[in-house]
Amino acid sequence: MRHPTILLTACLSVWASTAPGQDLPVAGTAPWERPAGAPVITEMVKDAAWYALALTGVDQPYPASLRFLEDQGAWFSPFTHPGMTGPYDIRHWHGGE
């Protein structure tokens, strides 16, 4: 099969058209516009727990290069999630030394 993504897209389209809760907005059908009724993030709370998570494995004094965290919004950031394991886990997200 040359294009498995075409088959996957077709299957998802059929499933989405028959799935319960059809009144929910479907993102991606018109990527240039936000679907009517799509959820909107109105507030990004960065409390002490969020900063503790974002600064996992980083020793004080924090480098100035991490000031970008002050401007970090509610979008995905790989900096706040565990990455690779083993010798690449320099922030010790996975419990290694």
N, C-alpha and C. Protein backbone atom coordinates (compact mmCIF):
# COMPACT_ATOMS: atom_id res chain seq x y z
N MET A 1 0.85 -1.17 0.00
CA MET A 1 0.00 0.00 0.00
C MET A 1 0.90 1.24 0.00
N ARG A 2 0.68 2.11 -0.97
CA ARG A 2 1.56 3.26 -1.12
C ARG A 2 1.23 4.38 -0.15
N HIS A 3 -0.01 4.58 0.14
CA HIS A 3 -0.40 5.73 0.97
C HIS A 3 -1.30 5.30 2.12
N PRO A 4 -0.70 4.77 3.19
CA PRO A 4 -1.54 4.35 4.33
C PRO A 4 -2.25 5.52 5.00
N THR A 5 -1.72 6.73 4.85
CA THR A 5 -2.39 7.87 5.50
C THR A 5 -3.73 8.17 4.86
N ILE A 6 -3.88 7.88 3.57
CA ILE A 6 -5.16 8.10 2.90
C ILE A 6 -6.21 7.16 3.48
N LEU A 7 -5.83 5.91 3.67
CA LEU A 7 -6.75 4.94 4.26
C LEU A 7 -7.11 5.34 5.69
N LEU A 8 -6.11 5.74 6.45
CA LEU A 8 -6.36 6.16 7.83
C LEU A 8 -7.29 7.37 7.87
N THR A 9 -7.06 8.32 7.00
CA THR A 9 -7.91 9.52 6.95
C THR A 9 -9.34 9.15 6.60
N ALA A 10 -9.50 8.25 5.65
CA ALA A 10 -10.84 7.83 5.26
C ALA A 10 -11.54 7.11 6.41
N CYS A 11 -10.82 6.25 7.11
CA CYS A 11 -11.41 5.53 8.25
C CYS A 11 -11.82 6.48 9.35
N LEU A 12 -10.94 7.45 9.64
CA LEU A 12 -11.26 8.42 10.69
C LEU A 12 -12.45 9.29 10.30
N SER A 13 -12.58 9.61 9.01
CA SER A 13 -13.71 10.41 8.55
C SER A 13 -15.02 9.66 8.75
N VAL A 14 -15.02 8.38 8.42
CA VAL A 14 -16.23 7.57 8.60
C VAL A 14 -16.54 7.45 10.08
N TRP A 15 -15.52 7.18 10.90
CA TRP A 15 -15.74 7.06 12.35
C TRP A 15 -16.28 8.37 12.92
N ALA A 16 -15.69 9.49 12.53
CA ALA A 16 -16.10 10.78 13.08
C ALA A 16 -17.54 11.11 12.69
N SER A 17 -17.96 10.68 11.51
CA SER A 17 -19.32 11.00 11.08
C SER A 17 -20.36 10.14 11.78
N THR A 18 -19.94 9.00 12.37
CA THR A 18 -20.88 8.12 13.04
C THR A 18 -20.71 8.12 14.55
N ALA A 19 -19.69 8.82 15.05
CA ALA A 19 -19.40 8.81 16.48
C ALA A 19 -20.41 9.66 17.24
N PRO A 20 -20.76 9.26 18.47
CA PRO A 20 -21.65 10.10 19.26
C PRO A 20 -20.97 11.42 19.61
N GLY A 21 -21.74 12.45 19.84
CA GLY A 21 -21.18 13.75 20.18
C GLY A 21 -20.72 14.51 18.96
N GLN A 22 -21.41 14.34 17.85
CA GLN A 22 -21.02 14.97 16.59
C GLN A 22 -21.07 16.49 16.64
N ASP A 23 -21.72 17.03 17.64
CA ASP A 23 -21.85 18.48 17.71
C ASP A 23 -20.57 19.16 18.16
N LEU A 24 -19.55 18.39 18.52
CA LEU A 24 -18.27 18.97 18.92
C LEU A 24 -17.52 19.48 17.69
N PRO A 25 -16.76 20.57 17.83
CA PRO A 25 -16.00 21.07 16.67
C PRO A 25 -14.87 20.11 16.31
N VAL A 26 -14.61 20.01 15.03
CA VAL A 26 -13.53 19.16 14.54
C VAL A 26 -12.45 20.09 13.98
N ALA A 27 -11.32 20.13 14.64
CA ALA A 27 -10.22 20.99 14.19
C ALA A 27 -9.51 20.33 13.03
N GLY A 28 -8.97 21.13 12.15
CA GLY A 28 -8.17 20.62 11.05
C GLY A 28 -8.91 20.50 9.74
N THR A 29 -10.23 20.61 9.76
CA THR A 29 -10.96 20.50 8.49
C THR A 29 -10.82 21.78 7.67
N ALA A 30 -10.56 22.88 8.32
CA ALA A 30 -10.28 24.15 7.65
C ALA A 30 -9.15 24.80 8.44
N PRO A 31 -7.89 24.39 8.17
CA PRO A 31 -6.78 24.82 9.01
C PRO A 31 -6.56 26.32 9.07
N TRP A 32 -7.10 27.05 8.16
CA TRP A 32 -6.90 28.51 8.13
C TRP A 32 -7.88 29.25 9.04
N GLU A 33 -8.84 28.53 9.63
CA GLU A 33 -9.78 29.20 10.53
C GLU A 33 -10.07 28.33 11.75
N ARG A 34 -10.35 28.98 12.85
CA ARG A 34 -10.68 28.28 14.09
C ARG A 34 -12.15 27.87 14.02
N PRO A 35 -12.46 26.60 14.32
CA PRO A 35 -13.86 26.17 14.25
C PRO A 35 -14.73 26.93 15.25
N ALA A 36 -15.94 27.24 14.85
CA ALA A 36 -16.89 27.89 15.76
C ALA A 36 -17.16 26.95 16.92
N GLY A 37 -17.12 27.46 18.12
CA GLY A 37 -17.38 26.64 19.29
C GLY A 37 -16.17 25.89 19.82
N ALA A 38 -15.00 26.08 19.19
CA ALA A 38 -13.79 25.41 19.68
C ALA A 38 -13.39 26.00 21.03
N PRO A 39 -12.84 25.18 21.91
CA PRO A 39 -12.45 25.71 23.22
C PRO A 39 -11.35 26.77 23.08
N VAL A 40 -11.37 27.73 23.97
CA VAL A 40 -10.41 28.83 23.96
C VAL A 40 -9.75 28.91 25.33
N ILE A 41 -8.45 28.92 25.35
CA ILE A 41 -7.73 29.09 26.61
C ILE A 41 -7.72 30.57 26.93
N THR A 42 -8.26 30.91 28.09
CA THR A 42 -8.35 32.31 28.47
C THR A 42 -7.33 32.70 29.53
N GLU A 43 -6.75 31.69 30.18
CA GLU A 43 -5.84 31.99 31.27
C GLU A 43 -4.79 30.89 31.37
N MET A 44 -3.54 31.27 31.56
CA MET A 44 -2.46 30.32 31.77
C MET A 44 -1.91 30.56 33.16
N VAL A 45 -2.17 29.64 34.07
CA VAL A 45 -1.71 29.78 35.44
C VAL A 45 -0.38 29.07 35.57
N LYS A 46 0.64 29.84 35.92
CA LYS A 46 1.97 29.27 36.14
C LYS A 46 2.30 29.47 37.61
N ASP A 47 1.87 28.52 38.42
CA ASP A 47 2.11 28.59 39.85
C ASP A 47 3.46 27.95 40.18
N ALA A 48 3.75 27.85 41.47
CA ALA A 48 5.03 27.29 41.91
C ALA A 48 5.20 25.84 41.44
N ALA A 49 4.11 25.08 41.39
CA ALA A 49 4.19 23.69 40.93
C ALA A 49 4.58 23.62 39.45
N TRP A 50 4.04 24.53 38.63
CA TRP A 50 4.38 24.56 37.21
C TRP A 50 5.86 24.88 37.03
N TYR A 51 6.35 25.89 37.76
CA TYR A 51 7.77 26.24 37.65
C TYR A 51 8.67 25.12 38.16
N ALA A 52 8.25 24.43 39.21
CA ALA A 52 9.03 23.30 39.72
C ALA A 52 9.14 22.21 38.67
N LEU A 53 8.04 21.95 37.97
CA LEU A 53 8.06 20.96 36.89
C LEU A 53 8.95 21.43 35.74
N ALA A 54 8.79 22.68 35.34
CA ALA A 54 9.56 23.21 34.21
C ALA A 54 11.05 23.27 34.51
N LEU A 55 11.40 23.42 35.76
CA LEU A 55 12.82 23.54 36.13
C LEU A 55 13.38 22.25 36.72
N THR A 56 12.69 21.13 36.49
CA THR A 56 13.18 19.84 36.96
C THR A 56 14.59 19.59 36.45
N GLY A 57 15.50 19.27 37.36
CA GLY A 57 16.86 18.92 36.98
C GLY A 57 17.77 20.10 36.68
N VAL A 58 17.29 21.30 36.86
CA VAL A 58 18.11 22.50 36.62
C VAL A 58 18.49 23.08 37.98
N ASP A 59 19.77 23.26 38.19
CA ASP A 59 20.25 23.78 39.47
C ASP A 59 20.25 25.30 39.49
N GLN A 60 20.04 25.84 40.71
CA GLN A 60 20.15 27.29 40.89
C GLN A 60 21.61 27.66 40.99
N PRO A 61 22.00 28.82 40.58
CA PRO A 61 21.19 29.88 39.99
C PRO A 61 20.78 29.49 38.57
N TYR A 62 19.52 29.76 38.25
CA TYR A 62 19.00 29.41 36.93
C TYR A 62 19.64 30.29 35.87
N PRO A 63 20.04 29.71 34.75
CA PRO A 63 20.66 30.51 33.70
C PRO A 63 19.65 31.47 33.06
N ALA A 64 20.15 32.59 32.59
CA ALA A 64 19.30 33.61 31.95
C ALA A 64 18.59 33.05 30.72
N SER A 65 19.13 32.01 30.12
CA SER A 65 18.51 31.43 28.93
C SER A 65 17.15 30.81 29.23
N LEU A 66 16.85 30.59 30.51
CA LEU A 66 15.56 30.02 30.88
C LEU A 66 14.49 31.09 31.13
N ARG A 67 14.81 32.33 30.87
CA ARG A 67 13.83 33.41 31.05
C ARG A 67 12.64 33.25 30.11
N PHE A 68 12.81 32.42 29.06
CA PHE A 68 11.69 32.21 28.14
C PHE A 68 10.49 31.58 28.88
N LEU A 69 10.73 30.93 30.01
CA LEU A 69 9.63 30.33 30.77
C LEU A 69 8.64 31.39 31.25
N GLU A 70 9.11 32.61 31.45
CA GLU A 70 8.21 33.69 31.87
C GLU A 70 7.19 34.02 30.80
N ASP A 71 7.55 33.79 29.53
CA ASP A 71 6.65 34.09 28.42
C ASP A 71 5.94 32.85 27.89
N GLN A 72 6.23 31.70 28.47
CA GLN A 72 5.62 30.46 28.01
C GLN A 72 4.12 30.51 28.22
N GLY A 73 3.39 30.24 27.17
CA GLY A 73 1.94 30.22 27.26
C GLY A 73 1.42 28.81 27.46
N ALA A 74 0.18 28.59 27.11
CA ALA A 74 -0.46 27.30 27.33
C ALA A 74 -0.21 26.32 26.18
N TRP A 75 0.65 26.67 25.25
CA TRP A 75 0.96 25.75 24.15
C TRP A 75 1.93 24.68 24.64
N PHE A 76 2.07 23.62 23.85
CA PHE A 76 2.95 22.51 24.22
C PHE A 76 4.40 22.96 24.20
N SER A 77 5.14 22.54 25.21
CA SER A 77 6.57 22.80 25.26
C SER A 77 7.28 21.52 25.65
N PRO A 78 8.20 21.03 24.85
CA PRO A 78 8.93 19.82 25.22
C PRO A 78 9.80 20.03 26.45
N PHE A 79 10.01 21.27 26.84
CA PHE A 79 10.85 21.57 28.00
C PHE A 79 10.18 21.16 29.31
N THR A 80 8.86 20.99 29.30
CA THR A 80 8.14 20.63 30.52
C THR A 80 7.69 19.18 30.53
N HIS A 81 8.28 18.35 29.66
CA HIS A 81 7.94 16.93 29.58
C HIS A 81 9.22 16.10 29.52
N PRO A 82 9.18 14.89 30.08
CA PRO A 82 10.37 14.03 30.01
C PRO A 82 10.75 13.74 28.56
N GLY A 83 12.04 13.68 28.33
CA GLY A 83 12.54 13.36 26.99
C GLY A 83 13.08 11.95 26.94
N MET A 84 14.23 11.82 26.32
CA MET A 84 14.83 10.51 26.15
C MET A 84 15.39 9.98 27.46
N THR A 85 15.59 8.68 27.50
CA THR A 85 16.15 8.03 28.69
C THR A 85 17.65 7.83 28.52
N GLY A 86 18.23 7.19 29.52
CA GLY A 86 19.64 6.80 29.44
C GLY A 86 20.59 7.98 29.52
N PRO A 87 21.67 7.93 28.75
CA PRO A 87 22.68 8.98 28.86
C PRO A 87 22.18 10.35 28.37
N TYR A 88 21.03 10.38 27.71
CA TYR A 88 20.50 11.64 27.19
C TYR A 88 19.60 12.36 28.19
N ASP A 89 19.32 11.71 29.32
CA ASP A 89 18.43 12.26 30.34
C ASP A 89 19.23 13.16 31.28
N ILE A 90 19.69 14.28 30.78
CA ILE A 90 20.57 15.15 31.58
C ILE A 90 19.83 15.86 32.70
N ARG A 91 18.51 15.91 32.63
CA ARG A 91 17.74 16.56 33.70
C ARG A 91 17.16 15.54 34.68
N HIS A 92 17.48 14.28 34.51
CA HIS A 92 17.07 13.20 35.42
C HIS A 92 15.56 13.07 35.58
N TRP A 93 14.84 13.25 34.49
CA TRP A 93 13.39 13.07 34.51
C TRP A 93 13.02 11.62 34.82
N HIS A 94 13.85 10.70 34.39
CA HIS A 94 13.52 9.28 34.49
C HIS A 94 14.15 8.63 35.71
N GLY A 95 14.64 9.40 36.66
CA GLY A 95 15.13 8.87 37.92
C GLY A 95 16.59 8.41 37.91
N GLY A 96 17.29 8.62 36.83
CA GLY A 96 18.70 8.22 36.77
C GLY A 96 19.59 9.22 37.43
N GLU A 97 20.79 8.82 37.71
CA GLU A 97 21.79 9.72 38.31
C GLU A 97 22.57 10.30 37.23
